[in-house]
Protein backbone atom coordinates (compact mmCIF):
# COMPACT_ATOMS: atom_id res chain seq x y z
CA MET A 1 -106.44 336.57 168.76
CA ARG A 2 -104.10 338.57 170.97
CA CYS A 3 -105.71 341.05 173.36
CA PRO A 4 -104.69 344.61 172.37
CA PHE A 5 -104.78 345.70 176.02
CA CYS A 6 -102.79 343.05 177.91
CA GLY A 7 -101.33 340.82 175.18
CA ASN A 8 -103.12 337.67 176.38
CA MET A 9 -103.32 335.10 173.56
CA ASP A 10 -106.53 333.46 174.80
CA THR A 11 -109.46 335.75 173.93
CA GLN A 12 -113.06 334.68 173.44
CA VAL A 13 -115.55 335.53 170.70
CA LYS A 14 -118.77 336.87 172.27
CA ASP A 15 -120.68 337.84 169.11
CA SER A 16 -120.26 337.40 165.34
CA ARG A 17 -122.28 339.02 162.59
CA PRO A 18 -121.91 339.91 158.91
CA ALA A 19 -120.61 343.38 158.13
CA GLU A 20 -120.10 345.54 155.04
CA ASP A 21 -122.89 343.96 153.02
CA HIS A 22 -121.81 340.41 153.91
CA VAL A 23 -118.23 340.73 152.63
CA SER A 24 -116.70 340.63 156.10
CA ILE A 25 -117.46 339.32 159.59
CA ARG A 26 -117.51 341.56 162.65
CA ARG A 27 -116.55 339.81 165.87
CA ARG A 28 -116.88 341.20 169.39
CA ARG A 29 -114.18 339.69 171.59
CA PHE A 30 -113.55 339.49 175.32
CA CYS A 31 -110.27 338.94 177.17
CA PRO A 32 -110.73 336.85 180.36
CA ALA A 33 -107.35 337.99 181.69
CA CYS A 34 -107.99 341.75 181.79
CA GLY A 35 -111.73 341.99 181.02
CA GLY A 36 -111.10 344.08 177.90
CA ARG A 37 -113.55 344.07 175.00
CA PHE A 38 -112.63 344.79 171.40
CA THR A 39 -113.88 344.28 167.84
CA THR A 40 -112.16 342.52 164.95
CA TYR A 41 -113.12 342.21 161.29
CA GLU A 42 -112.40 339.26 159.02
CA ARG A 43 -112.37 339.63 155.24
CA VAL A 44 -111.77 337.19 152.43
CA GLN A 45 -108.44 337.80 150.75
CA LEU A 46 -108.10 336.07 147.40
CA ARG A 47 -104.39 336.78 146.98
CA ASP A 48 -101.59 338.89 148.40
CA LEU A 49 -101.24 341.99 146.27
CA VAL A 50 -98.04 343.96 145.68
CA VAL A 51 -98.13 347.58 144.51
CA LEU A 52 -95.56 348.59 141.90
CA LYS A 53 -94.77 352.24 142.59
CA SER A 54 -93.88 354.65 139.77
CA ASN A 55 -90.32 354.93 141.13
CA GLY A 56 -89.85 351.15 140.76
CA ARG A 57 -90.31 350.23 144.44
CA ARG A 58 -92.54 347.33 145.44
CA GLU A 59 -94.82 347.63 148.44
CA ASP A 60 -97.37 345.26 149.99
CA PHE A 61 -100.92 346.38 149.26
CA ASP A 62 -102.41 348.12 152.29
CA ARG A 63 -106.20 348.29 152.44
CA SER A 64 -106.09 350.95 155.16
CA LYS A 65 -103.98 353.23 152.95
CA LEU A 66 -106.54 352.96 150.14
CA GLU A 67 -109.39 353.52 152.59
CA ARG A 68 -107.69 356.59 154.06
CA SER A 69 -107.20 358.27 150.68
CA ILE A 70 -110.80 357.58 149.63
CA ARG A 71 -112.16 358.82 152.97
CA ILE A 72 -110.17 362.05 152.60
CA ALA A 73 -111.60 362.57 149.11
CA LEU A 74 -115.14 361.92 150.39
CA GLN A 75 -114.73 363.98 153.57
CA LYS A 76 -117.80 366.16 154.27
CA ARG A 77 -119.59 364.78 151.21
CA PRO A 78 -123.15 363.36 151.43
CA ILE A 79 -122.06 359.73 150.97
CA GLU A 80 -123.13 357.15 153.56
CA GLN A 81 -120.45 355.15 155.36
CA GLU A 82 -121.98 351.89 154.13
CA ARG A 83 -121.77 353.00 150.49
CA MET A 84 -118.14 354.02 151.00
CA ASP A 85 -117.31 350.64 152.55
CA GLN A 86 -119.05 348.82 149.70
CA MET A 87 -117.09 350.84 147.14
CA ILE A 88 -113.77 350.07 148.85
CA SER A 89 -114.58 346.35 149.11
CA GLY A 90 -115.62 346.33 145.45
CA LEU A 91 -112.37 348.02 144.41
CA ILE A 92 -110.31 345.46 146.31
CA ARG A 93 -112.30 342.54 144.87
CA ARG A 94 -111.71 343.98 141.41
CA LEU A 95 -107.95 344.26 142.05
CA GLU A 96 -107.76 340.73 143.47
CA SER A 97 -109.75 339.24 140.60
CA MET A 98 -107.49 340.74 137.94
CA GLY A 99 -105.33 337.63 138.15
CA GLU A 100 -102.10 339.53 138.81
CA THR A 101 -100.38 339.84 142.15
CA ASP A 102 -98.25 342.83 141.05
CA ILE A 103 -100.43 345.86 140.34
CA PRO A 104 -99.06 349.23 139.20
CA SER A 105 -100.03 352.12 141.47
CA LYS A 106 -101.13 354.03 138.36
CA LEU A 107 -103.76 351.36 137.64
CA ILE A 108 -105.02 351.50 141.23
CA GLY A 109 -105.33 355.28 140.98
CA GLU A 110 -107.26 355.03 137.70
CA ILE A 111 -109.66 352.45 139.16
CA VAL A 112 -110.27 354.61 142.26
CA MET A 113 -110.87 357.70 140.11
CA GLU A 114 -113.33 355.75 137.95
CA ALA A 115 -115.28 354.65 141.05
CA LEU A 116 -115.27 358.13 142.61
CA ALA A 117 -116.45 359.71 139.36
CA ARG A 118 -119.54 357.50 139.50
CA ILE A 119 -120.53 358.46 143.04
CA ASP A 120 -119.34 362.05 143.66
CA THR A 121 -117.79 364.58 141.28
CA VAL A 122 -116.26 366.70 144.06
CA ALA A 123 -114.52 363.67 145.59
CA TYR A 124 -113.35 362.71 142.11
CA VAL A 125 -111.73 366.14 141.62
CA ARG A 126 -110.19 366.05 145.12
CA PHE A 127 -108.65 362.64 144.54
CA ALA A 128 -107.47 363.64 141.05
CA SER A 129 -105.78 366.76 142.43
CA VAL A 130 -103.49 364.60 144.57
CA TYR A 131 -103.20 361.69 142.13
CA LYS A 132 -102.34 363.92 139.17
CA ASN A 133 -100.23 366.23 141.38
CA PHE A 134 -101.94 369.53 140.56
CA GLN A 135 -99.51 372.40 141.13
CA ALA A 136 -101.63 375.48 140.35
CA ALA A 137 -105.22 376.66 140.06
CA ASP A 138 -104.91 376.35 136.28
CA ASP A 139 -104.47 372.59 136.70
CA PHE A 140 -107.84 372.44 138.50
CA ASP A 141 -109.48 374.66 135.90
CA LYS A 142 -108.22 372.54 133.01
CA PHE A 143 -109.29 369.29 134.71
CA VAL A 144 -112.76 370.56 135.61
CA SER A 145 -113.30 372.01 132.13
CA GLU A 146 -112.67 368.52 130.72
CA LEU A 147 -115.51 367.23 132.93
CA ARG A 148 -118.02 369.72 131.55
CA PRO A 149 -119.78 368.99 128.28
CA ASN A 150 -118.98 371.44 125.49
CA VAL A 151 -121.65 374.12 125.61
CA GLU A 152 -121.93 376.68 122.85
CA PRO A 153 -122.10 380.22 124.26
CA ASP A 154 -125.19 382.25 123.35
CA GLU A 155 -124.50 384.94 120.79
């Protein structure tokens, strides 16, 4: 592993332990050349995924991009970091186990929305507002009204 500080190729592992509910390994590393310490994570990757964008472009799947969008949706919500990490790992395992290497971005968005709906309604609406490209307050109102069960008004 290359040292991020000095570029030395000969770094040493000082400590390894399971992370993210045993789906990855956290390693503390040390560079003997500059004395720098840093952390790396190793995850199992079943297959290389390619995202098929709605405009026809193909893009390598980027875990950090998925993580970033989910973290933005869950920002300032009472969801623990560990639960968020488990959800992200579960989503990626689900995508990898689908058997396809080319996955439409629309399908990824639907799977993320489904997962967010189960853990936090506010995050679900936030994500949906970007995913479905809400343009006005009426778009929010219509979407949220679909979430509410039909209640008969008192007469």
